[in-house]
Amino acid sequence: MKIGDLDLGQNPLLLAPMEDVTDPSFRVLCKRYGADLMYTEFVSADALIRHVERTKNKMTILPEERPVGIQIYGKETDTMVEAAKIAEEANPELIDINFGCPVKKIAKKGAGAGMLQDIPKMLEITSAVVKAVNLPVTVKTRLGWDDNNKIITNIAEPLQDTGIAALTIHGRTRAQMYTGEADWSLIGEVKNNPRIHIPIIGNGDLTNPVKARDYLNRYGVDALMIGRPSIGRPWIFKEIKHYLQTGELLPPPSIPEHVAMLKEQLDHAVNWFDERRGILHMRRHMAVSFKGLPNFRPLKIKMLRTDGYEELIQVLDVIADTYKEYHSLYEE
């Protein structure tokens, strides 16, 4: 699959942009485990053009994680164009436009998934951004605003006509947020439209290798984008790739192996932020780790309440030693 001149191979796996998740410390791990394309946390166009330092830092790209796309969001055409030009200067492989974020503070203001209620503006922004930068521009969006307005099959062609290089579709409406089951049938309908010639990337509920292969075969998408199932489980990319290539399921990592991954990510996070913010950042990943372990609650509470780096390392060491005979167990 190609996005512009960027060749990602057959059936590539993409790491979805996620706020407070897909910073460089996490992206580097996902890259090592087989992710073919990374996305930054989504970047506010308004904050970017005001040169907010924290927002600019989101566009930092490490050499070992490439290729990387920078995702921007906003509701005004001029602002999005200016932000896209600033993002281009950070030298990513592509620019992605977020028309899918369902969070109220974004969508209710008309940005993210809110743009699904103003298709002319969506197309105006997309066309302007495509013309403003020299990098490939992609779009990520949802099926529609709600069950009564699933419009993705109607807007895919107009989006393609703006000149975008690929389209990612999350199989839920904005109203669903992240609840219920993702509906891939409309994603497949877009992909199988004979007038669609850009890559179509499917996203939503890709929780295990069997489902990933099933969705690839059933809906014919060009690539899979994995979001929340990768949190605390960056090796999911390796699991899926191995299954697609061999038909065999890899065993999950042992608890000591899992702990070693978390330690490495913790070191990256502390170096990237600072000790306090790095630990706070890691709590989202640690909170979903070690599912299924018996009698784990006391250690989990301690792990998530520890504020110091050395103390947290000690807790992780206790977890590794206590459960050294176990493998991580995940609810599929």
C-alpha atoms as a PDB file:
ATOM      1  CA  MET A   1       0.000   0.000   0.000  1.00  0.00           C
ATOM      2  CA  LYS A   2       1.256   3.457  -0.881  1.00  0.00           C
ATOM      3  CA  ILE A   3       0.376   6.821   0.609  1.00  0.00           C
ATOM      4  CA  GLY A   4       1.811   9.191  -1.934  1.00  0.00           C
ATOM      5  CA  ASP A   5       5.336   7.915  -2.489  1.00  0.00           C
ATOM      6  CA  LEU A   6       5.461   6.237   0.937  1.00  0.00           C
ATOM      7  CA  ASP A   7       5.409   2.462   0.381  1.00  0.00           C
ATOM      8  CA  LEU A   8       4.180   0.623   3.492  1.00  0.00           C
ATOM      9  CA  GLY A   9       4.055  -2.843   1.964  1.00  0.00           C
ATOM     10  CA  GLN A  10       1.118  -5.234   1.954  1.00  0.00           C
ATOM     11  CA  ASN A  11      -1.506  -5.085   4.699  1.00  0.00           C
ATOM     12  CA  PRO A  12       0.380  -2.550   6.849  1.00  0.00           C
ATOM     13  CA  LEU A  13      -0.517  -1.942  10.481  1.00  0.00           C
ATOM     14  CA  LEU A  14      -0.873   1.651  11.645  1.00  0.00           C
ATOM     15  CA  LEU A  15      -0.786   3.047  15.166  1.00  0.00           C
ATOM     16  CA  ALA A  16      -3.785   5.343  15.646  1.00  0.00           C
ATOM     17  CA  PRO A  17      -3.279   8.880  16.955  1.00  0.00           C
ATOM     18  CA  MET A  18      -4.376   8.998  20.606  1.00  0.00           C
ATOM     19  CA  GLU A  19      -4.187  11.953  22.960  1.00  0.00           C
ATOM     20  CA  ASP A  20      -1.913  11.366  25.966  1.00  0.00           C
ATOM     21  CA  VAL A  21      -0.928   7.975  24.525  1.00  0.00           C
ATOM     22  CA  THR A  22       1.005   8.164  21.264  1.00  0.00           C
ATOM     23  CA  ASP A  23       3.988  10.202  22.419  1.00  0.00           C
ATOM     24  CA  PRO A  24       7.470   9.139  21.236  1.00  0.00           C
ATOM     25  CA  SER A  25       8.029   6.831  24.240  1.00  0.00           C
ATOM     26  CA  PHE A  26       5.094   4.667  23.163  1.00  0.00           C
ATOM     27  CA  ARG A  27       5.588   5.013  19.423  1.00  0.00           C
ATOM     28  CA  VAL A  28       9.146   3.689  19.622  1.00  0.00           C
ATOM     29  CA  LEU A  29       7.910   0.499  21.292  1.00  0.00           C
ATOM     30  CA  CYS A  30       5.102   0.020  18.785  1.00  0.00           C
ATOM     31  CA  LYS A  31       7.563   0.482  15.947  1.00  0.00           C
ATOM     32  CA  ARG A  32       9.821  -2.210  17.374  1.00  0.00           C
ATOM     33  CA  TYR A  33       6.884  -4.601  17.562  1.00  0.00           C
ATOM     34  CA  GLY A  34       5.928  -4.112  13.945  1.00  0.00           C
ATOM     35  CA  ALA A  35       3.796  -0.996  13.509  1.00  0.00           C
ATOM     36  CA  ASP A  36       4.405   0.308   9.974  1.00  0.00           C
ATOM     37  CA  LEU A  37       3.230   3.900  10.398  1.00  0.00           C
ATOM     38  CA  MET A  38       2.931   6.055  13.496  1.00  0.00           C
ATOM     39  CA  TYR A  39       0.770   9.052  14.208  1.00  0.00           C
ATOM     40  CA  THR A  40       1.415  11.744  16.781  1.00  0.00           C
ATOM     41  CA  GLU A  41      -1.109  12.736  19.373  1.00  0.00           C
ATOM     42  CA  PHE A  42      -3.590  15.034  17.663  1.00  0.00           C
ATOM     43  CA  VAL A  43      -2.397  18.620  17.470  1.00  0.00           C
ATOM     44  CA  SER A  44      -4.658  21.634  17.916  1.00  0.00           C
ATOM     45  CA  ALA A  45      -4.344  23.989  14.950  1.00  0.00           C
ATOM     46  CA  ASP A  46      -5.334  26.941  17.145  1.00  0.00           C
ATOM     47  CA  ALA A  47      -2.626  26.144  19.698  1.00  0.00           C
ATOM     48  CA  LEU A  48      -0.063  25.459  16.999  1.00  0.00           C
ATOM     49  CA  ILE A  49      -0.408  28.825  15.310  1.00  0.00           C
ATOM     50  CA  ARG A  50      -0.151  30.488  18.732  1.00  0.00           C
ATOM     51  CA  HIS A  51       3.149  28.629  19.159  1.00  0.00           C
ATOM     52  CA  VAL A  52       2.109  26.903  22.379  1.00  0.00           C
ATOM     53  CA  GLU A  53       5.230  25.009  23.429  1.00  0.00           C
ATOM     54  CA  ARG A  54       3.472  21.860  24.661  1.00  0.00           C
ATOM     55  CA  THR A  55       1.618  21.596  21.357  1.00  0.00           C
ATOM     56  CA  LYS A  56       4.786  22.107  19.319  1.00  0.00           C
ATOM     57  CA  ASN A  57       6.484  19.373  21.359  1.00  0.00           C
ATOM     58  CA  LYS A  58       3.850  16.886  20.192  1.00  0.00           C
ATOM     59  CA  MET A  59       5.394  17.109  16.726  1.00  0.00           C
ATOM     60  CA  THR A  60       8.826  15.877  17.841  1.00  0.00           C
ATOM     61  CA  ILE A  61       9.765  12.826  15.788  1.00  0.00           C
ATOM     62  CA  LEU A  62      12.575  10.408  16.644  1.00  0.00           C
ATOM     63  CA  PRO A  63      14.568   8.841  13.787  1.00  0.00           C
ATOM     64  CA  GLU A  64      13.918   5.279  14.980  1.00  0.00           C
ATOM     65  CA  GLU A  65      10.126   5.598  14.822  1.00  0.00           C
ATOM     66  CA  ARG A  66       9.692   6.763  11.239  1.00  0.00           C
ATOM     67  CA  PRO A  67       7.549   6.915   9.169  1.00  0.00           C
ATOM     68  CA  VAL A  68       5.311   9.259  11.165  1.00  0.00           C
ATOM     69  CA  GLY A  69       2.249  11.339  10.363  1.00  0.00           C
ATOM     70  CA  ILE A  70       1.307  14.497  12.269  1.00  0.00           C
ATOM     71  CA  GLN A  71      -2.424  14.788  12.868  1.00  0.00           C
ATOM     72  CA  ILE A  72      -4.017  18.227  13.188  1.00  0.00           C
ATOM     73  CA  TYR A  73      -7.537  19.337  14.040  1.00  0.00           C
ATOM     74  CA  GLY A  74      -9.460  22.588  13.907  1.00  0.00           C
ATOM     75  CA  LYS A  75     -12.587  24.192  12.489  1.00  0.00           C
ATOM     76  CA  GLU A  76     -11.342  27.206  10.539  1.00  0.00           C
ATOM     77  CA  THR A  77      -9.819  26.880   7.095  1.00  0.00           C
ATOM     78  CA  ASP A  78      -7.154  29.572   7.427  1.00  0.00           C
ATOM     79  CA  THR A  79      -6.060  28.238  10.802  1.00  0.00           C
ATOM     80  CA  MET A  80      -5.821  24.676   9.520  1.00  0.00           C
ATOM     81  CA  VAL A  81      -3.799  25.770   6.502  1.00  0.00           C
ATOM     82  CA  GLU A  82      -1.340  27.704   8.651  1.00  0.00           C
ATOM     83  CA  ALA A  83      -1.089  24.808  11.115  1.00  0.00           C
ATOM     84  CA  ALA A  84      -0.463  22.335   8.292  1.00  0.00           C
ATOM     85  CA  LYS A  85       2.419  24.457   7.039  1.00  0.00           C
ATOM     86  CA  ILE A  86       3.936  24.562  10.532  1.00  0.00           C
ATOM     87  CA  ALA A  87       3.482  20.808  10.882  1.00  0.00           C
ATOM     88  CA  GLU A  88       5.181  20.286   7.526  1.00  0.00           C
ATOM     89  CA  GLU A  89       8.272  22.050   8.878  1.00  0.00           C
ATOM     90  CA  ALA A  90       8.583  19.292  11.518  1.00  0.00           C
ATOM     91  CA  ASN A  91       9.365  16.970   8.598  1.00  0.00           C
ATOM     92  CA  PRO A  92       6.828  14.159   9.017  1.00  0.00           C
ATOM     93  CA  GLU A  93       6.064  11.743   6.210  1.00  0.00           C
ATOM     94  CA  LEU A  94       2.471  12.990   5.958  1.00  0.00           C
ATOM     95  CA  ILE A  95      -0.169  15.311   7.417  1.00  0.00           C
ATOM     96  CA  ASP A  96      -3.409  13.799   8.707  1.00  0.00           C
ATOM     97  CA  ILE A  97      -6.617  15.741   9.330  1.00  0.00           C
ATOM     98  CA  ASN A  98      -8.715  14.710  12.311  1.00  0.00           C
ATOM     99  CA  PHE A  99     -12.413  14.651  11.451  1.00  0.00           C
ATOM    100  CA  GLY A 100     -13.122  11.830  13.884  1.00  0.00           C
ATOM    101  CA  CYS A 101     -12.395  12.829  17.485  1.00  0.00           C
ATOM    102  CA  PRO A 102     -15.704  12.446  19.373  1.00  0.00           C
ATOM    103  CA  VAL A 103     -14.656  14.198  22.606  1.00  0.00           C
ATOM    104  CA  LYS A 104     -17.259  16.795  23.553  1.00  0.00           C
ATOM    105  CA  LYS A 105     -14.894  19.754  24.009  1.00  0.00           C
ATOM    106  CA  ILE A 106     -13.682  19.244  20.442  1.00  0.00           C
ATOM    107  CA  ALA A 107     -16.684  17.896  18.530  1.00  0.00           C
ATOM    108  CA  LYS A 108     -19.247  20.279  20.028  1.00  0.00           C
ATOM    109  CA  LYS A 109     -17.132  23.205  18.848  1.00  0.00           C
ATOM    110  CA  GLY A 110     -17.224  21.957  15.288  1.00  0.00           C
ATOM    111  CA  ALA A 111     -13.770  20.363  15.088  1.00  0.00           C
ATOM    112  CA  GLY A 112     -12.900  16.656  14.985  1.00  0.00           C
ATOM    113  CA  ALA A 113     -16.049  14.595  14.478  1.00  0.00           C
ATOM    114  CA  GLY A 114     -18.044  17.823  14.737  1.00  0.00           C
ATOM    115  CA  MET A 115     -17.105  18.449  11.118  1.00  0.00           C
ATOM    116  CA  LEU A 116     -19.434  15.572  10.172  1.00  0.00           C
ATOM    117  CA  GLN A 117     -22.227  18.091  10.659  1.00  0.00           C
ATOM    118  CA  ASP A 118     -20.725  20.546   8.187  1.00  0.00           C
ATOM    119  CA  ILE A 119     -19.569  18.637   5.115  1.00  0.00           C
ATOM    120  CA  PRO A 120     -18.984  21.731   2.928  1.00  0.00           C
ATOM    121  CA  LYS A 121     -16.585  23.080   5.560  1.00  0.00           C
ATOM    122  CA  MET A 122     -14.930  19.667   5.865  1.00  0.00           C
ATOM    123  CA  LEU A 123     -14.272  19.580   2.133  1.00  0.00           C
ATOM    124  CA  GLU A 124     -13.147  23.216   2.075  1.00  0.00           C
ATOM    125  CA  ILE A 125     -10.592  22.626   4.829  1.00  0.00           C
ATOM    126  CA  THR A 126      -9.325  19.401   3.285  1.00  0.00           C
ATOM    127  CA  SER A 127      -8.910  20.898  -0.162  1.00  0.00           C
ATOM    128  CA  ALA A 128      -7.108  23.947   1.227  1.00  0.00           C
ATOM    129  CA  VAL A 129      -4.697  21.879   3.304  1.00  0.00           C
ATOM    130  CA  VAL A 130      -3.905  19.578   0.371  1.00  0.00           C
ATOM    131  CA  LYS A 131      -3.030  22.606  -1.745  1.00  0.00           C
ATOM    132  CA  ALA A 132      -1.011  24.278   1.010  1.00  0.00           C
ATOM    133  CA  VAL A 133       1.571  21.550   1.678  1.00  0.00           C
ATOM    134  CA  ASN A 134       3.852  19.355  -0.383  1.00  0.00           C
ATOM    135  CA  LEU A 135       3.420  16.274   1.791  1.00  0.00           C
ATOM    136  CA  PRO A 136       0.670  13.685   1.309  1.00  0.00           C
ATOM    137  CA  VAL A 137      -2.484  14.625   3.227  1.00  0.00           C
ATOM    138  CA  THR A 138      -4.773  11.968   4.695  1.00  0.00           C
ATOM    139  CA  VAL A 139      -8.077  12.128   6.563  1.00  0.00           C
ATOM    140  CA  LYS A 140      -9.399  10.151   9.534  1.00  0.00           C
ATOM    141  CA  THR A 141     -13.112  10.245  10.238  1.00  0.00           C
ATOM    142  CA  ARG A 142     -16.116   8.201  11.405  1.00  0.00           C
ATOM    143  CA  LEU A 143     -19.245   6.716   9.847  1.00  0.00           C
ATOM    144  CA  GLY A 144     -21.242   9.848  10.635  1.00  0.00           C
ATOM    145  CA  TRP A 145     -22.635  11.901  13.481  1.00  0.00           C
ATOM    146  CA  ASP A 146     -25.193   9.354  14.720  1.00  0.00           C
ATOM    147  CA  ASP A 147     -27.192   6.325  13.574  1.00  0.00           C
ATOM    148  CA  ASN A 148     -29.513   8.528  11.530  1.00  0.00           C
ATOM    149  CA  ASN A 149     -26.626  10.216   9.755  1.00  0.00           C
ATOM    150  CA  LYS A 150     -24.164   7.572   8.619  1.00  0.00           C
ATOM    151  CA  ILE A 151     -22.817   9.517   5.679  1.00  0.00           C
ATOM    152  CA  ILE A 152     -19.393   8.023   5.068  1.00  0.00           C
ATOM    153  CA  THR A 153     -20.391   6.360   1.785  1.00  0.00           C
ATOM    154  CA  ASN A 154     -21.572   9.749   0.507  1.00  0.00           C
ATOM    155  CA  ILE A 155     -18.547  11.796   1.539  1.00  0.00           C
ATOM    156  CA  ALA A 156     -15.721   9.376   0.693  1.00  0.00           C
ATOM    157  CA  GLU A 157     -15.657  10.305  -3.003  1.00  0.00           C
ATOM    158  CA  PRO A 158     -15.818  14.080  -2.414  1.00  0.00           C
ATOM    159  CA  LEU A 159     -12.987  13.716   0.102  1.00  0.00           C
ATOM    160  CA  GLN A 160     -11.000  11.761  -2.462  1.00  0.00           C
ATOM    161  CA  ASP A 161     -11.661  14.504  -5.008  1.00  0.00           C
ATOM    162  CA  THR A 162      -9.945  17.055  -2.754  1.00  0.00           C
ATOM    163  CA  GLY A 163      -6.674  15.254  -3.408  1.00  0.00           C
ATOM    164  CA  ILE A 164      -6.128  13.302  -0.199  1.00  0.00           C
ATOM    165  CA  ALA A 165      -3.768  10.345  -0.402  1.00  0.00           C
ATOM    166  CA  ALA A 166      -5.674   7.952   1.918  1.00  0.00           C
ATOM    167  CA  LEU A 167      -8.807   7.783   4.063  1.00  0.00           C
ATOM    168  CA  THR A 168      -9.082   6.145   7.489  1.00  0.00           C
ATOM    169  CA  ILE A 169     -12.558   5.251   8.734  1.00  0.00           C
ATOM    170  CA  HIS A 170     -13.411   4.381  12.329  1.00  0.00           C
ATOM    171  CA  GLY A 171     -16.430   2.089  12.332  1.00  0.00           C
ATOM    172  CA  ARG A 172     -18.502   4.063  14.826  1.00  0.00           C
ATOM    173  CA  THR A 173     -20.531   7.260  14.792  1.00  0.00           C
ATOM    174  CA  ARG A 174     -19.678  10.260  16.905  1.00  0.00           C
ATOM    175  CA  ALA A 175     -22.689   9.531  19.111  1.00  0.00           C
ATOM    176  CA  GLN A 176     -21.293   6.085  19.911  1.00  0.00           C
ATOM    177  CA  MET A 177     -18.015   7.524  21.165  1.00  0.00           C
ATOM    178  CA  TYR A 178     -16.150   4.269  21.890  1.00  0.00           C
ATOM    179  CA  THR A 179     -19.139   2.209  23.015  1.00  0.00           C
ATOM    180  CA  GLY A 180     -20.888  -0.630  21.238  1.00  0.00           C
ATOM    181  CA  GLU A 181     -19.389  -2.611  18.408  1.00  0.00           C
ATOM    182  CA  ALA A 182     -17.645  -1.019  15.457  1.00  0.00           C
ATOM    183  CA  ASP A 183     -19.590  -1.505  12.200  1.00  0.00           C
ATOM    184  CA  TRP A 184     -17.190  -2.302   9.392  1.00  0.00           C
ATOM    185  CA  SER A 185     -19.851  -2.930   6.757  1.00  0.00           C
ATOM    186  CA  LEU A 186     -19.828   0.694   5.593  1.00  0.00           C
ATOM    187  CA  ILE A 187     -16.030   0.735   5.612  1.00  0.00           C
ATOM    188  CA  GLY A 188     -16.180  -2.229   3.251  1.00  0.00           C
ATOM    189  CA  GLU A 189     -18.758  -0.458   1.113  1.00  0.00           C
ATOM    190  CA  VAL A 190     -16.433   2.522   0.693  1.00  0.00           C
ATOM    191  CA  LYS A 191     -13.498   0.274  -0.142  1.00  0.00           C
ATOM    192  CA  ASN A 192     -15.495  -1.684  -2.719  1.00  0.00           C
ATOM    193  CA  ASN A 193     -16.773   1.423  -4.469  1.00  0.00           C
ATOM    194  CA  PRO A 194     -15.159   1.108  -7.934  1.00  0.00           C
ATOM    195  CA  ARG A 195     -14.659   4.879  -8.072  1.00  0.00           C
ATOM    196  CA  ILE A 196     -12.476   4.885  -4.957  1.00  0.00           C
ATOM    197  CA  HIS A 197      -8.813   4.602  -5.880  1.00  0.00           C
ATOM    198  CA  ILE A 198      -7.030   5.839  -2.739  1.00  0.00           C
ATOM    199  CA  PRO A 199      -6.164   3.453   0.120  1.00  0.00           C
ATOM    200  CA  ILE A 200      -8.938   2.836   2.618  1.00  0.00           C
ATOM    201  CA  ILE A 201      -7.770   2.119   6.163  1.00  0.00           C
ATOM    202  CA  GLY A 202     -10.091   0.419   8.657  1.00  0.00           C
ATOM    203  CA  ASN A 203     -10.136   1.222  12.366  1.00  0.00           C
ATOM    204  CA  GLY A 204     -12.140  -0.014  15.337  1.00  0.00           C
ATOM    205  CA  ASP A 205     -12.240  -3.112  17.577  1.00  0.00           C
ATOM    206  CA  LEU A 206      -9.087  -4.728  16.188  1.00  0.00           C
ATOM    207  CA  THR A 207      -8.444  -6.514  19.456  1.00  0.00           C
ATOM    208  CA  ASN A 208      -6.760  -9.710  18.303  1.00  0.00           C
ATOM    209  CA  PRO A 209      -5.017 -11.308  15.307  1.00  0.00           C
ATOM    210  CA  VAL A 210      -7.954 -13.504  14.296  1.00  0.00           C
ATOM    211  CA  LYS A 211     -10.296 -10.551  14.037  1.00  0.00           C
ATOM    212  CA  ALA A 212      -7.652  -8.553  12.161  1.00  0.00           C
ATOM    213  CA  ARG A 213      -7.292 -11.219   9.468  1.00  0.00           C
ATOM    214  CA  ASP A 214     -11.058 -11.708   9.287  1.00  0.00           C
ATOM    215  CA  TYR A 215     -11.663  -7.990   8.744  1.00  0.00           C
ATOM    216  CA  LEU A 216      -8.943  -7.749   6.119  1.00  0.00           C
ATOM    217  CA  ASN A 217     -10.442 -10.646   4.190  1.00  0.00           C
ATOM    218  CA  ARG A 218     -14.088  -9.703   4.658  1.00  0.00           C
ATOM    219  CA  TYR A 219     -13.911  -5.985   3.935  1.00  0.00           C
ATOM    220  CA  GLY A 220     -10.880  -5.762   1.670  1.00  0.00           C
ATOM    221  CA  VAL A 221      -9.349  -2.689   3.279  1.00  0.00           C
ATOM    222  CA  ASP A 222      -5.793  -1.733   2.376  1.00  0.00           C
ATOM    223  CA  ALA A 223      -4.524  -1.383   5.926  1.00  0.00           C
ATOM    224  CA  LEU A 224      -5.558  -1.706   9.559  1.00  0.00           C
ATOM    225  CA  MET A 225      -5.244   1.043  12.172  1.00  0.00           C
ATOM    226  CA  ILE A 226      -4.998  -0.053  15.792  1.00  0.00           C
ATOM    227  CA  GLY A 227      -5.772   2.291  18.653  1.00  0.00           C
ATOM    228  CA  ARG A 228      -6.941   1.418  22.168  1.00  0.00           C
ATOM    229  CA  PRO A 229      -6.088  -2.325  21.941  1.00  0.00           C
ATOM    230  CA  SER A 230      -2.410  -1.327  21.755  1.00  0.00           C
ATOM    231  CA  ILE A 231      -2.440   0.531  25.085  1.00  0.00           C
ATOM    232  CA  GLY A 232      -0.461  -1.564  27.524  1.00  0.00           C
ATOM    233  CA  ARG A 233       0.012  -4.093  24.741  1.00  0.00           C
ATOM    234  CA  PRO A 234       2.387  -2.718  22.089  1.00  0.00           C
ATOM    235  CA  TRP A 235       3.250  -6.263  20.971  1.00  0.00           C
ATOM    236  CA  ILE A 236      -0.209  -6.588  19.370  1.00  0.00           C
ATOM    237  CA  PHE A 237       1.371  -5.475  16.090  1.00  0.00           C
ATOM    238  CA  LYS A 238       3.798  -8.394  16.225  1.00  0.00           C
ATOM    239  CA  GLU A 239       0.975 -10.803  17.087  1.00  0.00           C
ATOM    240  CA  ILE A 240      -1.135  -9.679  14.152  1.00  0.00           C
ATOM    241  CA  LYS A 241       1.719  -9.662  11.653  1.00  0.00           C
ATOM    242  CA  HIS A 242       2.809 -13.148  12.666  1.00  0.00           C
ATOM    243  CA  TYR A 243      -0.731 -14.478  12.337  1.00  0.00           C
ATOM    244  CA  LEU A 244      -1.260 -12.845   8.940  1.00  0.00           C
ATOM    245  CA  GLN A 245       1.975 -14.404   7.675  1.00  0.00           C
ATOM    246  CA  THR A 246       1.771 -17.859   9.269  1.00  0.00           C
ATOM    247  CA  GLY A 247      -1.727 -18.484  10.586  1.00  0.00           C
ATOM    248  CA  GLU A 248      -0.183 -19.211  13.993  1.00  0.00           C
ATOM    249  CA  LEU A 249      -0.993 -17.395  17.219  1.00  0.00           C
ATOM    250  CA  LEU A 250       1.994 -16.226  19.213  1.00  0.00           C
ATOM    251  CA  PRO A 251       1.901 -16.833  22.963  1.00  0.00           C
ATOM    252  CA  PRO A 252       1.608 -13.634  24.999  1.00  0.00           C
ATOM    253  CA  PRO A 253       4.752 -12.389  26.720  1.00  0.00           C
ATOM    254  CA  SER A 254       5.578 -13.662  30.171  1.00  0.00           C
ATOM    255  CA  ILE A 255       5.020 -11.298  33.056  1.00  0.00           C
ATOM    256  CA  PRO A 256       8.773 -10.603  33.412  1.00  0.00           C
ATOM    257  CA  GLU A 257       8.896  -9.782  29.685  1.00  0.00           C
ATOM    258  CA  HIS A 258       5.886  -7.501  30.064  1.00  0.00           C
ATOM    259  CA  VAL A 259       7.504  -5.785  33.044  1.00  0.00           C
ATOM    260  CA  ALA A 260      10.694  -5.246  31.044  1.00  0.00           C
ATOM    261  CA  MET A 261       8.656  -3.489  28.327  1.00  0.00           C
ATOM    262  CA  LEU A 262       6.970  -1.243  30.873  1.00  0.00           C
ATOM    263  CA  LYS A 263      10.326  -0.357  32.425  1.00  0.00           C
ATOM    264  CA  GLU A 264      11.724   0.608  29.056  1.00  0.00           C
ATOM    265  CA  GLN A 265       8.658   2.696  28.249  1.00  0.00           C
ATOM    266  CA  LEU A 266       8.855   4.286  31.698  1.00  0.00           C
ATOM    267  CA  ASP A 267      12.488   5.275  31.083  1.00  0.00           C
ATOM    268  CA  HIS A 268      11.530   6.830  27.744  1.00  0.00           C
ATOM    269  CA  ALA A 269       8.570   8.656  29.323  1.00  0.00           C
ATOM    270  CA  VAL A 270      10.616  10.030  32.235  1.00  0.00           C
ATOM    271  CA  ASN A 271      13.306  11.217  29.833  1.00  0.00           C
ATOM    272  CA  TRP A 272      10.708  12.710  27.508  1.00  0.00           C
ATOM    273  CA  PHE A 273       8.669  14.523  30.178  1.00  0.00           C
ATOM    274  CA  ASP A 274      10.201  14.457  33.668  1.00  0.00           C
ATOM    275  CA  GLU A 275       9.919  12.016  36.558  1.00  0.00           C
ATOM    276  CA  ARG A 276       6.528  13.141  37.833  1.00  0.00           C
ATOM    277  CA  ARG A 277       4.835  13.653  34.462  1.00  0.00           C
ATOM    278  CA  GLY A 278       6.431  10.537  33.003  1.00  0.00           C
ATOM    279  CA  ILE A 279       4.981   8.387  35.786  1.00  0.00           C
ATOM    280  CA  LEU A 280       1.567  10.023  35.463  1.00  0.00           C
ATOM    281  CA  HIS A 281       1.679   9.377  31.725  1.00  0.00           C
ATOM    282  CA  MET A 282       2.544   5.714  32.277  1.00  0.00           C
ATOM    283  CA  ARG A 283      -0.439   5.097  34.537  1.00  0.00           C
ATOM    284  CA  ARG A 284      -2.776   4.872  31.550  1.00  0.00           C
ATOM    285  CA  HIS A 285      -0.642   2.057  30.151  1.00  0.00           C
ATOM    286  CA  MET A 286      -0.067   0.294  33.471  1.00  0.00           C
ATOM    287  CA  ALA A 287      -3.757   0.420  34.384  1.00  0.00           C
ATOM    288  CA  VAL A 288      -4.637  -1.980  31.572  1.00  0.00           C
ATOM    289  CA  SER A 289      -1.593  -4.218  32.034  1.00  0.00           C
ATOM    290  CA  PHE A 290      -1.565  -7.646  33.672  1.00  0.00           C
ATOM    291  CA  LYS A 291      -5.210  -8.449  33.107  1.00  0.00           C
ATOM    292  CA  GLY A 292      -6.287 -11.825  34.423  1.00  0.00           C
ATOM    293  CA  LEU A 293      -3.611 -12.233  37.076  1.00  0.00           C
ATOM    294  CA  PRO A 294      -4.952 -13.771  40.303  1.00  0.00           C
ATOM    295  CA  ASN A 295      -4.854 -11.706  43.502  1.00  0.00           C
ATOM    296  CA  PHE A 296      -3.284  -8.801  41.651  1.00  0.00           C
ATOM    297  CA  ARG A 297      -5.390  -5.951  43.032  1.00  0.00           C
ATOM    298  CA  PRO A 298      -3.079  -4.914  45.952  1.00  0.00           C
ATOM    299  CA  LEU A 299      -0.049  -4.741  43.664  1.00  0.00           C
ATOM    300  CA  LYS A 300      -2.034  -2.899  40.993  1.00  0.00           C
ATOM    301  CA  ILE A 301      -3.120  -0.254  43.488  1.00  0.00           C
ATOM    302  CA  LYS A 302       0.452   0.166  44.667  1.00  0.00           C
ATOM    303  CA  MET A 303       1.743   0.364  41.096  1.00  0.00           C
ATOM    304  CA  LEU A 304      -0.755   3.079  40.174  1.00  0.00           C
ATOM    305  CA  ARG A 305      -0.242   5.135  43.333  1.00  0.00           C
ATOM    306  CA  THR A 306       3.543   5.157  43.439  1.00  0.00           C
ATOM    307  CA  ASP A 307       4.949   8.622  42.673  1.00  0.00           C
ATOM    308  CA  GLY A 308       8.693   7.995  42.566  1.00  0.00           C
ATOM    309  CA  TYR A 309      10.709   6.340  39.814  1.00  0.00           C
ATOM    310  CA  GLU A 310      12.795   4.064  42.022  1.00  0.00           C
ATOM    311  CA  GLU A 311       9.767   3.000  44.058  1.00  0.00           C
ATOM    312  CA  LEU A 312       7.836   2.195  40.890  1.00  0.00           C
ATOM    313  CA  ILE A 313      10.731   0.117  39.552  1.00  0.00           C
ATOM    314  CA  GLN A 314      10.684  -1.854  42.820  1.00  0.00           C
ATOM    315  CA  VAL A 315       6.949  -2.505  42.500  1.00  0.00           C
ATOM    316  CA  LEU A 316       7.406  -3.696  38.930  1.00  0.00           C
ATOM    317  CA  ASP A 317      10.211  -6.004  40.062  1.00  0.00           C
ATOM    318  CA  VAL A 318       7.922  -7.516  42.695  1.00  0.00           C
ATOM    319  CA  ILE A 319       5.257  -8.097  40.029  1.00  0.00           C
ATOM    320  CA  ALA A 320       7.800  -9.805  37.762  1.00  0.00           C
ATOM    321  CA  ASP A 321       9.038 -12.051  40.553  1.00  0.00           C
ATOM    322  CA  THR A 322       5.621 -12.877  41.990  1.00  0.00           C
ATOM    323  CA  TYR A 323       4.130 -13.847  38.629  1.00  0.00           C
ATOM    324  CA  LYS A 324       7.214 -15.130  36.819  1.00  0.00           C
ATOM    325  CA  GLU A 325       5.433 -18.342  35.828  1.00  0.00           C
ATOM    326  CA  TYR A 326       2.451 -16.533  34.301  1.00  0.00           C
ATOM    327  CA  HIS A 327       1.755 -15.027  30.898  1.00  0.00           C
ATOM    328  CA  SER A 328      -0.249 -11.839  30.454  1.00  0.00           C
ATOM    329  CA  LEU A 329      -3.892 -12.695  29.912  1.00  0.00           C
ATOM    330  CA  TYR A 330      -6.097 -10.495  27.789  1.00  0.00           C
ATOM    331  CA  GLU A 331      -9.827 -10.400  27.353  1.00  0.00           C
ATOM    332  CA  GLU A 332     -10.592 -10.533  23.653  1.00  0.00           C
END
